[in-house]
């Protein structure tokens, strides 16, 4: 990582494209793209199909560093190629987009109103390989399903423990404690979450840098104070199941918060589209998300 990359992520306009669908979310992503489960017969073929979709997105003229700061990749994608280059190299060298790696291994069973991350075996080895592939940072997701003080404290503590390990390896961790958008006490959970985040930020070494990927809050401007913390490179928002129109509209109420959308980014894209139709649909999506992130 060169010194320009953290500055670019901290200061420049744009958003993060989340292209990190993993085993559990891939069938749904393919289904929305128009690829049914009858079109692949095993996991290897499924991941080939999703890489074809990601490649089509990344190689589109609409997809470049003018509006997209970074792209989050599934671990397998790091070792796959786009136009003859390893995917992270393609993003950096051809598109001027920073590559970020999803490192979590999914969610544990619900306990105390939340789902912690499953253990991440061989994380140090993965981080070393990520640096070989010129990865800028990492992402890891937990899930908050109710405003439970103990569960939320446990989630934030787990996230920060791993974030310190990742930062020590020379990468910028994205901490993602997602608050489920459908829970009745979402606003209360968000207040608990922010309080725990502030406690943990206060304990970080001065030179440790982190990012956050958070559910768009009910209260406009709710995370503005986190953005001012000297440890925080950027605060980004997940779409969380909102449509692109809903997510963009909520994002506009939160100055400084930028998108890191997955489903909302690819909404409306179909395998059956001509290249012209596909590129136009992706252009419209990227432009609308960029504008909502530029508030």
C-alpha atoms as a PDB file:
ATOM      1  CA  UNK A   1       0.000   0.000   0.000  1.00  0.00           C
ATOM      2  CA  UNK A   2       1.407   3.395  -0.930  1.00  0.00           C
ATOM      3  CA  UNK A   3       0.676   6.568   1.048  1.00  0.00           C
ATOM      4  CA  UNK A   4      -1.572   7.954  -1.678  1.00  0.00           C
ATOM      5  CA  UNK A   5      -4.107   5.132  -1.297  1.00  0.00           C
ATOM      6  CA  UNK A   6      -5.300   5.950   2.267  1.00  0.00           C
ATOM      7  CA  UNK A   7      -5.502   9.646   1.362  1.00  0.00           C
ATOM      8  CA  UNK A   8      -7.519   8.790  -1.750  1.00  0.00           C
ATOM      9  CA  UNK A   9      -9.919   6.637   0.281  1.00  0.00           C
ATOM     10  CA  UNK A  10     -10.236   9.253   3.019  1.00  0.00           C
ATOM     11  CA  UNK A  11     -10.763  12.365   0.925  1.00  0.00           C
ATOM     12  CA  UNK A  12     -11.858  11.749  -2.643  1.00  0.00           C
ATOM     13  CA  UNK A  13     -15.446  11.506  -3.916  1.00  0.00           C
ATOM     14  CA  UNK A  14     -16.810   8.145  -4.985  1.00  0.00           C
ATOM     15  CA  UNK A  15     -18.169   4.935  -3.518  1.00  0.00           C
ATOM     16  CA  UNK A  16     -17.234   1.281  -2.989  1.00  0.00           C
ATOM     17  CA  UNK A  17     -18.621  -1.476  -5.208  1.00  0.00           C
ATOM     18  CA  UNK A  18     -19.357  -4.624  -3.196  1.00  0.00           C
ATOM     19  CA  UNK A  19     -18.668  -7.611  -5.481  1.00  0.00           C
ATOM     20  CA  UNK A  20     -18.055 -10.109  -2.685  1.00  0.00           C
ATOM     21  CA  UNK A  21     -21.044 -12.478  -2.821  1.00  0.00           C
ATOM     22  CA  UNK A  22     -19.858 -15.725  -1.252  1.00  0.00           C
ATOM     23  CA  UNK A  23     -21.218 -19.284  -1.083  1.00  0.00           C
ATOM     24  CA  UNK A  24     -24.437 -18.450   0.720  1.00  0.00           C
ATOM     25  CA  UNK A  25     -25.400 -15.343  -1.257  1.00  0.00           C
ATOM     26  CA  UNK A  26     -24.175 -16.384  -4.706  1.00  0.00           C
ATOM     27  CA  UNK A  27     -27.254 -18.390  -5.834  1.00  0.00           C
ATOM     28  CA  UNK A  28     -29.534 -15.435  -5.110  1.00  0.00           C
ATOM     29  CA  UNK A  29     -27.197 -12.984  -6.857  1.00  0.00           C
ATOM     30  CA  UNK A  30     -27.107 -15.246  -9.913  1.00  0.00           C
ATOM     31  CA  UNK A  31     -30.888 -15.718  -9.839  1.00  0.00           C
ATOM     32  CA  UNK A  32     -31.401 -11.942  -9.856  1.00  0.00           C
ATOM     33  CA  UNK A  33     -28.967 -11.770 -12.788  1.00  0.00           C
ATOM     34  CA  UNK A  34     -31.074 -14.325 -14.655  1.00  0.00           C
ATOM     35  CA  UNK A  35     -28.922 -17.415 -14.092  1.00  0.00           C
ATOM     36  CA  UNK A  36     -30.943 -20.246 -12.568  1.00  0.00           C
ATOM     37  CA  UNK A  37     -29.590 -23.067 -10.412  1.00  0.00           C
ATOM     38  CA  UNK A  38     -30.223 -25.464 -13.318  1.00  0.00           C
ATOM     39  CA  UNK A  39     -27.409 -23.704 -15.229  1.00  0.00           C
ATOM     40  CA  UNK A  40     -24.672 -25.017 -12.932  1.00  0.00           C
ATOM     41  CA  UNK A  41     -24.269 -28.421 -11.324  1.00  0.00           C
ATOM     42  CA  UNK A  42     -21.763 -27.829  -8.517  1.00  0.00           C
ATOM     43  CA  UNK A  43     -20.090 -25.107  -6.476  1.00  0.00           C
ATOM     44  CA  UNK A  44     -17.158 -24.747  -8.872  1.00  0.00           C
ATOM     45  CA  UNK A  45     -19.492 -24.054 -11.804  1.00  0.00           C
ATOM     46  CA  UNK A  46     -21.517 -21.661  -9.631  1.00  0.00           C
ATOM     47  CA  UNK A  47     -18.391 -19.637  -8.829  1.00  0.00           C
ATOM     48  CA  UNK A  48     -17.419 -19.664 -12.512  1.00  0.00           C
ATOM     49  CA  UNK A  49     -20.814 -18.136 -13.303  1.00  0.00           C
ATOM     50  CA  UNK A  50     -20.538 -15.417 -10.658  1.00  0.00           C
ATOM     51  CA  UNK A  51     -17.003 -14.586 -11.829  1.00  0.00           C
ATOM     52  CA  UNK A  52     -18.370 -14.154 -15.352  1.00  0.00           C
ATOM     53  CA  UNK A  53     -20.919 -11.703 -13.956  1.00  0.00           C
ATOM     54  CA  UNK A  54     -18.280  -9.823 -11.944  1.00  0.00           C
ATOM     55  CA  UNK A  55     -15.948  -9.724 -14.940  1.00  0.00           C
ATOM     56  CA  UNK A  56     -18.692  -8.218 -17.087  1.00  0.00           C
ATOM     57  CA  UNK A  57     -19.235  -5.539 -14.447  1.00  0.00           C
ATOM     58  CA  UNK A  58     -15.538  -4.763 -13.926  1.00  0.00           C
ATOM     59  CA  UNK A  59     -14.715  -4.619 -17.653  1.00  0.00           C
ATOM     60  CA  UNK A  60     -17.673  -2.363 -18.463  1.00  0.00           C
ATOM     61  CA  UNK A  61     -16.732   1.182 -19.551  1.00  0.00           C
ATOM     62  CA  UNK A  62     -19.046   2.428 -16.790  1.00  0.00           C
ATOM     63  CA  UNK A  63     -16.850   0.858 -14.091  1.00  0.00           C
ATOM     64  CA  UNK A  64     -13.725   2.898 -13.322  1.00  0.00           C
ATOM     65  CA  UNK A  65     -11.940   4.951 -10.696  1.00  0.00           C
ATOM     66  CA  UNK A  66     -13.590   8.204 -11.700  1.00  0.00           C
ATOM     67  CA  UNK A  67     -16.578   7.299  -9.498  1.00  0.00           C
ATOM     68  CA  UNK A  68     -15.602   4.030  -7.820  1.00  0.00           C
ATOM     69  CA  UNK A  69     -12.958   4.232  -5.092  1.00  0.00           C
ATOM     70  CA  UNK A  70     -12.704   0.509  -4.379  1.00  0.00           C
ATOM     71  CA  UNK A  71     -14.252  -2.897  -5.001  1.00  0.00           C
ATOM     72  CA  UNK A  72     -14.747  -5.591  -2.348  1.00  0.00           C
ATOM     73  CA  UNK A  73     -13.812  -9.059  -3.583  1.00  0.00           C
ATOM     74  CA  UNK A  74     -14.642 -12.583  -2.449  1.00  0.00           C
ATOM     75  CA  UNK A  75     -11.472 -14.468  -1.465  1.00  0.00           C
ATOM     76  CA  UNK A  76     -11.598 -16.759  -4.511  1.00  0.00           C
ATOM     77  CA  UNK A  77     -11.829 -13.741  -6.808  1.00  0.00           C
ATOM     78  CA  UNK A  78      -8.414 -12.548  -5.627  1.00  0.00           C
ATOM     79  CA  UNK A  79      -6.800 -15.501  -7.422  1.00  0.00           C
ATOM     80  CA  UNK A  80      -8.994 -15.421 -10.513  1.00  0.00           C
ATOM     81  CA  UNK A  81      -8.144 -13.366 -13.575  1.00  0.00           C
ATOM     82  CA  UNK A  82      -9.812 -10.613 -15.569  1.00  0.00           C
ATOM     83  CA  UNK A  83      -8.427  -9.974 -19.063  1.00  0.00           C
ATOM     84  CA  UNK A  84      -5.324 -12.008 -18.221  1.00  0.00           C
ATOM     85  CA  UNK A  85      -4.504 -10.164 -14.976  1.00  0.00           C
ATOM     86  CA  UNK A  86      -5.203 -11.204 -11.411  1.00  0.00           C
ATOM     87  CA  UNK A  87      -8.399  -9.397 -10.435  1.00  0.00           C
ATOM     88  CA  UNK A  88      -6.760  -7.004  -7.912  1.00  0.00           C
ATOM     89  CA  UNK A  89      -4.092  -6.074 -10.475  1.00  0.00           C
ATOM     90  CA  UNK A  90      -6.753  -5.492 -13.120  1.00  0.00           C
ATOM     91  CA  UNK A  91      -8.659  -3.182 -10.777  1.00  0.00           C
ATOM     92  CA  UNK A  92      -5.552  -1.215  -9.818  1.00  0.00           C
ATOM     93  CA  UNK A  93      -3.766  -1.049 -13.161  1.00  0.00           C
ATOM     94  CA  UNK A  94      -6.642  -0.814 -15.626  1.00  0.00           C
ATOM     95  CA  UNK A  95      -9.482   0.759 -13.637  1.00  0.00           C
ATOM     96  CA  UNK A  96      -7.671   2.742 -10.904  1.00  0.00           C
ATOM     97  CA  UNK A  97      -9.898   1.045  -8.292  1.00  0.00           C
ATOM     98  CA  UNK A  98      -8.571  -0.174  -4.928  1.00  0.00           C
ATOM     99  CA  UNK A  99      -9.142  -3.901  -4.227  1.00  0.00           C
ATOM    100  CA  UNK A 100     -10.555  -4.903  -0.822  1.00  0.00           C
ATOM    101  CA  UNK A 101     -10.888  -8.501   0.389  1.00  0.00           C
ATOM    102  CA  UNK A 102     -13.778 -10.074   2.302  1.00  0.00           C
ATOM    103  CA  UNK A 103     -12.097 -12.193   4.987  1.00  0.00           C
ATOM    104  CA  UNK A 104     -14.933 -13.428   7.211  1.00  0.00           C
ATOM    105  CA  UNK A 105     -16.158 -17.018   6.941  1.00  0.00           C
ATOM    106  CA  UNK A 106     -19.825 -16.349   7.597  1.00  0.00           C
ATOM    107  CA  UNK A 107     -21.973 -15.993  10.682  1.00  0.00           C
ATOM    108  CA  UNK A 108     -22.374 -18.059  13.824  1.00  0.00           C
ATOM    109  CA  UNK A 109     -25.797 -18.999  15.219  1.00  0.00           C
ATOM    110  CA  UNK A 110     -27.804 -16.221  16.844  1.00  0.00           C
ATOM    111  CA  UNK A 111     -26.949 -15.552  20.493  1.00  0.00           C
ATOM    112  CA  UNK A 112     -27.807 -12.514  22.652  1.00  0.00           C
ATOM    113  CA  UNK A 113     -29.675 -11.006  19.715  1.00  0.00           C
ATOM    114  CA  UNK A 114     -26.713 -11.032  17.317  1.00  0.00           C
ATOM    115  CA  UNK A 115     -24.675 -13.248  15.019  1.00  0.00           C
ATOM    116  CA  UNK A 116     -20.958 -13.055  15.651  1.00  0.00           C
ATOM    117  CA  UNK A 117     -18.512 -14.088  12.958  1.00  0.00           C
ATOM    118  CA  UNK A 118     -17.414 -17.685  12.770  1.00  0.00           C
ATOM    119  CA  UNK A 119     -13.710 -18.237  13.519  1.00  0.00           C
ATOM    120  CA  UNK A 120     -11.398 -17.177  10.682  1.00  0.00           C
ATOM    121  CA  UNK A 121      -8.686 -19.857  10.424  1.00  0.00           C
ATOM    122  CA  UNK A 122      -5.280 -18.951   8.969  1.00  0.00           C
ATOM    123  CA  UNK A 123      -6.089 -15.225   8.881  1.00  0.00           C
ATOM    124  CA  UNK A 124      -2.419 -14.198   9.046  1.00  0.00           C
ATOM    125  CA  UNK A 125      -1.662 -16.396   6.031  1.00  0.00           C
ATOM    126  CA  UNK A 126      -4.612 -14.904   4.136  1.00  0.00           C
ATOM    127  CA  UNK A 127      -3.405 -11.381   4.931  1.00  0.00           C
ATOM    128  CA  UNK A 128       0.087 -12.158   3.667  1.00  0.00           C
ATOM    129  CA  UNK A 129      -1.367 -13.523   0.434  1.00  0.00           C
ATOM    130  CA  UNK A 130      -3.622 -10.455   0.164  1.00  0.00           C
ATOM    131  CA  UNK A 131      -0.570  -8.192   0.353  1.00  0.00           C
ATOM    132  CA  UNK A 132       1.072 -10.222  -2.415  1.00  0.00           C
ATOM    133  CA  UNK A 133      -2.025  -9.502  -4.504  1.00  0.00           C
ATOM    134  CA  UNK A 134      -1.830  -5.739  -3.699  1.00  0.00           C
ATOM    135  CA  UNK A 135      -5.013  -5.693  -1.610  1.00  0.00           C
ATOM    136  CA  UNK A 136      -5.678  -2.361   0.144  1.00  0.00           C
ATOM    137  CA  UNK A 137      -7.949  -3.524   2.956  1.00  0.00           C
ATOM    138  CA  UNK A 138     -10.339  -6.153   4.259  1.00  0.00           C
ATOM    139  CA  UNK A 139     -14.027  -6.469   5.119  1.00  0.00           C
ATOM    140  CA  UNK A 140     -15.775  -8.632   7.717  1.00  0.00           C
ATOM    141  CA  UNK A 141     -19.485  -8.756   8.545  1.00  0.00           C
ATOM    142  CA  UNK A 142     -21.467  -9.433  11.713  1.00  0.00           C
ATOM    143  CA  UNK A 143     -25.247  -9.219  12.102  1.00  0.00           C
ATOM    144  CA  UNK A 144     -27.317  -7.366  14.729  1.00  0.00           C
ATOM    145  CA  UNK A 145     -30.882  -8.671  15.067  1.00  0.00           C
ATOM    146  CA  UNK A 146     -32.049  -6.821  18.171  1.00  0.00           C
ATOM    147  CA  UNK A 147     -31.020  -3.985  20.493  1.00  0.00           C
ATOM    148  CA  UNK A 148     -29.277  -6.286  22.942  1.00  0.00           C
ATOM    149  CA  UNK A 149     -26.479  -4.500  24.891  1.00  0.00           C
ATOM    150  CA  UNK A 150     -24.417  -7.637  25.538  1.00  0.00           C
ATOM    151  CA  UNK A 151     -24.669  -8.953  21.996  1.00  0.00           C
ATOM    152  CA  UNK A 152     -23.771  -5.608  20.441  1.00  0.00           C
ATOM    153  CA  UNK A 153     -20.811  -5.167  22.795  1.00  0.00           C
ATOM    154  CA  UNK A 154     -19.603  -8.679  21.896  1.00  0.00           C
ATOM    155  CA  UNK A 155     -19.897  -7.979  18.171  1.00  0.00           C
ATOM    156  CA  UNK A 156     -17.940  -4.738  18.353  1.00  0.00           C
ATOM    157  CA  UNK A 157     -15.246  -6.294  20.539  1.00  0.00           C
ATOM    158  CA  UNK A 158     -14.809  -9.209  18.114  1.00  0.00           C
ATOM    159  CA  UNK A 159     -14.648  -6.843  15.146  1.00  0.00           C
ATOM    160  CA  UNK A 160     -12.017  -4.624  16.772  1.00  0.00           C
ATOM    161  CA  UNK A 161      -9.889  -7.571  17.923  1.00  0.00           C
ATOM    162  CA  UNK A 162      -9.654  -8.730  14.305  1.00  0.00           C
ATOM    163  CA  UNK A 163      -9.239  -5.166  13.032  1.00  0.00           C
ATOM    164  CA  UNK A 164      -6.125  -4.722  15.180  1.00  0.00           C
ATOM    165  CA  UNK A 165      -4.654  -7.921  13.740  1.00  0.00           C
ATOM    166  CA  UNK A 166      -5.419  -6.806  10.182  1.00  0.00           C
ATOM    167  CA  UNK A 167      -4.058  -3.289  10.703  1.00  0.00           C
ATOM    168  CA  UNK A 168      -0.873  -4.735  12.212  1.00  0.00           C
ATOM    169  CA  UNK A 169      -0.414  -6.700   8.975  1.00  0.00           C
ATOM    170  CA  UNK A 170      -0.464  -3.441   6.994  1.00  0.00           C
ATOM    171  CA  UNK A 171      -4.013  -3.471   5.622  1.00  0.00           C
ATOM    172  CA  UNK A 172      -6.997  -1.225   6.376  1.00  0.00           C
ATOM    173  CA  UNK A 173      -9.848  -3.224   7.981  1.00  0.00           C
ATOM    174  CA  UNK A 174     -13.487  -2.450   7.237  1.00  0.00           C
ATOM    175  CA  UNK A 175     -15.542  -3.202  10.340  1.00  0.00           C
ATOM    176  CA  UNK A 176     -19.108  -4.201   9.364  1.00  0.00           C
ATOM    177  CA  UNK A 177     -21.544  -4.751  12.245  1.00  0.00           C
ATOM    178  CA  UNK A 178     -24.728  -4.707  10.158  1.00  0.00           C
ATOM    179  CA  UNK A 179     -27.964  -3.701  11.886  1.00  0.00           C
ATOM    180  CA  UNK A 180     -30.776  -5.626  10.191  1.00  0.00           C
ATOM    181  CA  UNK A 181     -33.105  -3.115   8.528  1.00  0.00           C
ATOM    182  CA  UNK A 182     -36.284  -5.035   9.427  1.00  0.00           C
ATOM    183  CA  UNK A 183     -35.929  -5.109  13.222  1.00  0.00           C
ATOM    184  CA  UNK A 184     -38.416  -2.966  15.218  1.00  0.00           C
ATOM    185  CA  UNK A 185     -35.730  -1.524  17.524  1.00  0.00           C
ATOM    186  CA  UNK A 186     -33.277  -0.569  14.760  1.00  0.00           C
ATOM    187  CA  UNK A 187     -32.740   3.009  15.988  1.00  0.00           C
ATOM    188  CA  UNK A 188     -32.078   1.825  19.550  1.00  0.00           C
ATOM    189  CA  UNK A 189     -29.609  -0.776  18.258  1.00  0.00           C
ATOM    190  CA  UNK A 190     -27.807   1.929  16.275  1.00  0.00           C
ATOM    191  CA  UNK A 191     -27.376   4.089  19.401  1.00  0.00           C
ATOM    192  CA  UNK A 192     -25.951   1.106  21.304  1.00  0.00           C
ATOM    193  CA  UNK A 193     -23.682   0.249  18.397  1.00  0.00           C
ATOM    194  CA  UNK A 194     -22.231   3.741  18.084  1.00  0.00           C
ATOM    195  CA  UNK A 195     -21.545   3.926  21.826  1.00  0.00           C
ATOM    196  CA  UNK A 196     -19.617   0.625  21.699  1.00  0.00           C
ATOM    197  CA  UNK A 197     -17.696   1.712  18.606  1.00  0.00           C
ATOM    198  CA  UNK A 198     -16.600   4.909  20.357  1.00  0.00           C
ATOM    199  CA  UNK A 199     -15.365   2.910  23.365  1.00  0.00           C
ATOM    200  CA  UNK A 200     -13.259   0.686  21.135  1.00  0.00           C
ATOM    201  CA  UNK A 201     -11.917   3.549  18.999  1.00  0.00           C
ATOM    202  CA  UNK A 202     -10.633   5.213  22.164  1.00  0.00           C
ATOM    203  CA  UNK A 203      -8.512   2.110  22.883  1.00  0.00           C
ATOM    204  CA  UNK A 204      -6.802   1.931  19.474  1.00  0.00           C
ATOM    205  CA  UNK A 205      -3.133   2.864  19.070  1.00  0.00           C
ATOM    206  CA  UNK A 206      -2.749   6.333  17.594  1.00  0.00           C
ATOM    207  CA  UNK A 207      -1.507   5.123  14.208  1.00  0.00           C
ATOM    208  CA  UNK A 208      -4.157   2.401  13.680  1.00  0.00           C
ATOM    209  CA  UNK A 209      -6.600   3.207  10.863  1.00  0.00           C
ATOM    210  CA  UNK A 210      -9.992   1.554  10.313  1.00  0.00           C
ATOM    211  CA  UNK A 211     -13.091   1.956   8.189  1.00  0.00           C
ATOM    212  CA  UNK A 212     -16.721   1.172   8.967  1.00  0.00           C
ATOM    213  CA  UNK A 213     -19.452  -0.317   6.794  1.00  0.00           C
ATOM    214  CA  UNK A 214     -22.748   0.378   8.534  1.00  0.00           C
ATOM    215  CA  UNK A 215     -26.455   0.147   7.863  1.00  0.00           C
ATOM    216  CA  UNK A 216     -27.862   3.508   6.739  1.00  0.00           C
ATOM    217  CA  UNK A 217     -29.119   4.976  10.036  1.00  0.00           C
ATOM    218  CA  UNK A 218     -32.674   6.056  10.803  1.00  0.00           C
ATOM    219  CA  UNK A 219     -31.376   9.425  12.018  1.00  0.00           C
ATOM    220  CA  UNK A 220     -29.823  11.632   9.343  1.00  0.00           C
ATOM    221  CA  UNK A 221     -26.179  12.534   9.982  1.00  0.00           C
ATOM    222  CA  UNK A 222     -26.024  10.013  12.829  1.00  0.00           C
ATOM    223  CA  UNK A 223     -22.470   8.862  12.095  1.00  0.00           C
ATOM    224  CA  UNK A 224     -20.976  12.302  11.354  1.00  0.00           C
ATOM    225  CA  UNK A 225     -19.057  12.289  14.652  1.00  0.00           C
ATOM    226  CA  UNK A 226     -17.426   8.929  13.808  1.00  0.00           C
ATOM    227  CA  UNK A 227     -16.165  10.415  10.538  1.00  0.00           C
ATOM    228  CA  UNK A 228     -14.175  13.014  12.510  1.00  0.00           C
ATOM    229  CA  UNK A 229     -12.303  10.447  14.605  1.00  0.00           C
ATOM    230  CA  UNK A 230      -8.592  10.449  13.606  1.00  0.00           C
ATOM    231  CA  UNK A 231      -8.574   6.626  13.418  1.00  0.00           C
ATOM    232  CA  UNK A 232     -11.363   6.535  10.819  1.00  0.00           C
ATOM    233  CA  UNK A 233     -10.443   6.535   7.133  1.00  0.00           C
ATOM    234  CA  UNK A 234     -14.055   6.431   5.890  1.00  0.00           C
ATOM    235  CA  UNK A 235     -17.563   5.441   6.914  1.00  0.00           C
ATOM    236  CA  UNK A 236     -19.499   3.640   4.179  1.00  0.00           C
ATOM    237  CA  UNK A 237     -23.049   2.325   3.998  1.00  0.00           C
ATOM    238  CA  UNK A 238     -24.465  -1.038   3.006  1.00  0.00           C
ATOM    239  CA  UNK A 239     -27.792  -1.188   1.182  1.00  0.00           C
ATOM    240  CA  UNK A 240     -29.046  -3.912   3.518  1.00  0.00           C
ATOM    241  CA  UNK A 241     -31.957  -5.051   1.383  1.00  0.00           C
ATOM    242  CA  UNK A 242     -33.247  -1.595   0.452  1.00  0.00           C
ATOM    243  CA  UNK A 243     -33.863  -1.029  -3.251  1.00  0.00           C
ATOM    244  CA  UNK A 244     -31.354   1.227  -4.981  1.00  0.00           C
ATOM    245  CA  UNK A 245     -33.851   4.117  -5.004  1.00  0.00           C
ATOM    246  CA  UNK A 246     -34.555   3.714  -1.272  1.00  0.00           C
ATOM    247  CA  UNK A 247     -30.874   3.321  -0.368  1.00  0.00           C
ATOM    248  CA  UNK A 248     -29.858   6.370  -2.406  1.00  0.00           C
ATOM    249  CA  UNK A 249     -32.608   8.475  -0.877  1.00  0.00           C
ATOM    250  CA  UNK A 250     -31.591   7.484   2.678  1.00  0.00           C
ATOM    251  CA  UNK A 251     -27.916   8.031   1.854  1.00  0.00           C
ATOM    252  CA  UNK A 252     -28.606  11.628   0.821  1.00  0.00           C
ATOM    253  CA  UNK A 253     -29.750  12.372   4.377  1.00  0.00           C
ATOM    254  CA  UNK A 254     -26.276  11.477   5.658  1.00  0.00           C
ATOM    255  CA  UNK A 255     -23.587  13.899   4.425  1.00  0.00           C
ATOM    256  CA  UNK A 256     -20.165  12.286   4.238  1.00  0.00           C
ATOM    257  CA  UNK A 257     -21.558   8.742   4.233  1.00  0.00           C
ATOM    258  CA  UNK A 258     -20.743   6.962   0.972  1.00  0.00           C
ATOM    259  CA  UNK A 259     -22.219   3.806  -0.515  1.00  0.00           C
ATOM    260  CA  UNK A 260     -20.814   0.307  -0.459  1.00  0.00           C
ATOM    261  CA  UNK A 261     -23.693  -1.394  -2.231  1.00  0.00           C
ATOM    262  CA  UNK A 262     -23.980  -4.939  -3.578  1.00  0.00           C
ATOM    263  CA  UNK A 263     -27.552  -5.837  -4.527  1.00  0.00           C
ATOM    264  CA  UNK A 264     -28.487  -2.191  -5.068  1.00  0.00           C
ATOM    265  CA  UNK A 265     -25.494  -1.758  -7.422  1.00  0.00           C
ATOM    266  CA  UNK A 266     -26.375  -4.753  -9.608  1.00  0.00           C
ATOM    267  CA  UNK A 267     -30.157  -4.258  -9.461  1.00  0.00           C
ATOM    268  CA  UNK A 268     -31.650  -4.671 -12.934  1.00  0.00           C
ATOM    269  CA  UNK A 269     -28.557  -6.209 -14.560  1.00  0.00           C
ATOM    270  CA  UNK A 270     -29.352  -9.355 -16.568  1.00  0.00           C
ATOM    271  CA  UNK A 271     -27.177 -11.908 -18.318  1.00  0.00           C
ATOM    272  CA  UNK A 272     -29.499 -11.738 -21.336  1.00  0.00           C
ATOM    273  CA  UNK A 273     -28.832  -8.029 -21.944  1.00  0.00           C
ATOM    274  CA  UNK A 274     -26.783  -6.952 -24.923  1.00  0.00           C
ATOM    275  CA  UNK A 275     -23.496  -5.275 -24.020  1.00  0.00           C
ATOM    276  CA  UNK A 276     -25.028  -1.928 -24.911  1.00  0.00           C
ATOM    277  CA  UNK A 277     -28.038  -2.528 -22.646  1.00  0.00           C
ATOM    278  CA  UNK A 278     -25.862  -3.873 -19.842  1.00  0.00           C
ATOM    279  CA  UNK A 279     -23.418  -0.979 -19.939  1.00  0.00           C
ATOM    280  CA  UNK A 280     -26.241   1.566 -20.022  1.00  0.00           C
ATOM    281  CA  UNK A 281     -27.978  -0.041 -17.025  1.00  0.00           C
ATOM    282  CA  UNK A 282     -24.692  -0.194 -15.085  1.00  0.00           C
ATOM    283  CA  UNK A 283     -23.872   3.405 -16.002  1.00  0.00           C
ATOM    284  CA  UNK A 284     -27.250   4.575 -14.664  1.00  0.00           C
ATOM    285  CA  UNK A 285     -26.746   2.591 -11.460  1.00  0.00           C
ATOM    286  CA  UNK A 286     -23.197   3.854 -10.853  1.00  0.00           C
ATOM    287  CA  UNK A 287     -24.089   7.458 -11.593  1.00  0.00           C
ATOM    288  CA  UNK A 288     -27.096   7.463  -9.247  1.00  0.00           C
ATOM    289  CA  UNK A 289     -25.073   5.896  -6.401  1.00  0.00           C
ATOM    290  CA  UNK A 290     -22.175   8.276  -7.004  1.00  0.00           C
ATOM    291  CA  UNK A 291     -24.481  11.288  -6.836  1.00  0.00           C
ATOM    292  CA  UNK A 292     -26.125  10.038  -3.617  1.00  0.00           C
ATOM    293  CA  UNK A 293     -22.648   9.485  -2.115  1.00  0.00           C
ATOM    294  CA  UNK A 294     -21.451  12.968  -3.068  1.00  0.00           C
ATOM    295  CA  UNK A 295     -23.810  14.832  -0.699  1.00  0.00           C
END
